[in-house]
Amino acid sequence: MRLSEPTQYKEKGISDAIRQTQTGTLVDVRVTPGSAIETAQYSPWDKRIHVKVKARPIKGAANTAVIAFLTRLLGPCEIVSGATSNKKTILVLNADASAIIQKITQKTRI
């Protein structure tokens, strides 16, 4: 798995997809199941983090893969909305928004 290299990100832009709450940080994602590789990359067009996973959306396999991937990247998380949609909101538990932004925008292999 890899985290895609940021191209033209600005912290201001990516912060549109990330919101701090009392219990953690909400992250708006758009999921692409059935990908050859697993990546996460900010898209300024729809202001979401695009997450690609290998699993297909059959019996929740893609959701499980998204949570596993994001947990390795960002820490413990759960889907709070969009369980049956490709547009989801993920809660990263006890996480600081600035730390999430840094993890998503830096070039990292996980």
Protein backbone atom coordinates (compact mmCIF):
# COMPACT_ATOMS: atom_id res chain seq x y z
CA MET A 1 0.00 0.00 0.00
CA ARG A 2 1.09 3.54 -0.51
CA LEU A 3 0.01 7.07 0.17
CA SER A 4 0.06 9.02 -3.06
CA GLU A 5 2.49 11.87 -3.37
CA PRO A 6 0.83 15.24 -2.86
CA THR A 7 0.84 17.33 -6.01
CA GLN A 8 -0.56 20.79 -5.46
CA TYR A 9 -1.97 20.58 -1.95
CA LYS A 10 -2.24 23.45 0.39
CA GLU A 11 -3.18 22.85 3.98
CA LYS A 12 -6.09 25.25 3.47
CA GLY A 13 -7.50 23.09 0.65
CA ILE A 14 -7.20 19.74 2.37
CA SER A 15 -8.72 21.18 5.53
CA ASP A 16 -12.03 21.37 3.62
CA ALA A 17 -12.21 17.57 3.96
CA ILE A 18 -11.21 17.45 7.64
CA ARG A 19 -13.07 18.74 10.72
CA GLN A 20 -12.08 18.58 14.37
CA THR A 21 -14.69 17.34 16.89
CA GLN A 22 -14.61 16.61 20.61
CA THR A 23 -14.19 12.88 20.02
CA GLY A 24 -11.67 13.07 17.18
CA THR A 25 -11.44 14.23 13.58
CA LEU A 26 -14.01 13.76 10.83
CA VAL A 27 -12.61 13.01 7.39
CA ASP A 28 -14.72 13.15 4.23
CA VAL A 29 -13.65 10.42 1.82
CA ARG A 30 -14.62 9.07 -1.56
CA VAL A 31 -13.93 5.36 -1.97
CA THR A 32 -12.89 3.59 -5.14
CA PRO A 33 -13.14 -0.18 -4.59
CA GLY A 34 -11.46 -2.77 -6.79
CA SER A 35 -8.28 -0.78 -7.35
CA ALA A 36 -4.95 -2.38 -8.18
CA ILE A 37 -3.27 -0.43 -5.35
CA GLU A 38 -4.40 1.12 -2.08
CA THR A 39 -3.86 4.87 -1.82
CA ALA A 40 -5.21 8.00 -0.17
CA GLN A 41 -4.98 11.39 -1.87
CA TYR A 42 -6.77 14.72 -1.47
CA SER A 43 -8.93 15.85 -4.39
CA PRO A 44 -9.52 19.61 -4.59
CA TRP A 45 -12.39 19.06 -7.06
CA ASP A 46 -14.80 17.40 -4.66
CA LYS A 47 -12.94 18.38 -1.48
CA ARG A 48 -12.60 14.80 -0.25
CA ILE A 49 -9.81 12.36 0.42
CA HIS A 50 -9.93 9.76 -2.37
CA VAL A 51 -9.25 6.33 -0.92
CA LYS A 52 -8.61 3.44 -3.29
CA VAL A 53 -8.81 -0.11 -1.94
CA LYS A 54 -8.38 -3.50 -3.57
CA ALA A 55 -11.52 -5.03 -2.05
CA ARG A 56 -14.80 -5.10 -3.97
CA PRO A 57 -17.98 -3.67 -2.43
CA ILE A 58 -19.45 -7.09 -1.69
CA LYS A 59 -20.89 -7.81 1.76
CA GLY A 60 -19.01 -4.88 3.32
CA ALA A 61 -15.56 -5.99 2.16
CA ALA A 62 -14.68 -2.55 0.77
CA ASN A 63 -15.78 -0.82 3.99
CA THR A 64 -13.64 -3.22 6.01
CA ALA A 65 -10.67 -2.53 3.72
CA VAL A 66 -11.17 1.25 3.99
CA ILE A 67 -11.22 1.11 7.79
CA ALA A 68 -8.17 -1.19 7.89
CA PHE A 69 -6.22 1.06 5.50
CA LEU A 70 -7.13 4.30 7.27
CA THR A 71 -6.46 2.76 10.70
CA ARG A 72 -2.91 1.89 9.60
CA LEU A 73 -2.46 5.38 8.16
CA LEU A 74 -4.27 7.61 10.68
CA GLY A 75 -5.13 5.58 13.78
CA PRO A 76 -8.36 4.01 15.09
CA CYS A 77 -11.34 5.04 13.00
CA GLU A 78 -14.93 4.18 12.14
CA ILE A 79 -17.49 5.02 9.46
CA VAL A 80 -20.04 7.51 10.81
CA SER A 81 -22.00 8.07 7.58
CA GLY A 82 -22.17 6.67 4.06
CA ALA A 83 -21.86 2.97 4.86
CA THR A 84 -23.59 2.05 1.57
CA SER A 85 -22.20 4.92 -0.50
CA ASN A 86 -18.81 5.66 -2.03
CA LYS A 87 -18.93 9.03 -0.21
CA LYS A 88 -18.27 8.44 3.47
CA THR A 89 -17.46 10.36 6.61
CA ILE A 90 -14.85 8.68 8.78
CA LEU A 91 -14.23 9.51 12.44
CA VAL A 92 -10.58 9.16 13.43
CA LEU A 93 -10.83 8.69 17.19
CA ASN A 94 -8.86 10.98 19.51
CA ALA A 95 -6.95 12.52 16.61
CA ASP A 96 -5.88 16.09 15.99
CA ALA A 97 -6.90 17.58 12.62
CA SER A 98 -3.46 19.05 11.95
CA ALA A 99 -1.82 15.65 12.52
CA ILE A 100 -4.29 14.03 10.11
CA ILE A 101 -3.54 16.67 7.47
CA GLN A 102 0.19 16.07 7.86
CA LYS A 103 -0.16 12.29 7.57
CA ILE A 104 -2.28 12.53 4.43
CA THR A 105 -0.15 15.11 2.65
CA GLN A 106 3.30 13.66 3.29
CA LYS A 107 4.68 11.07 0.91
CA THR A 108 4.62 7.85 2.91
CA ARG A 109 4.54 4.14 2.24
CA ILE A 110 2.58 2.03 4.68
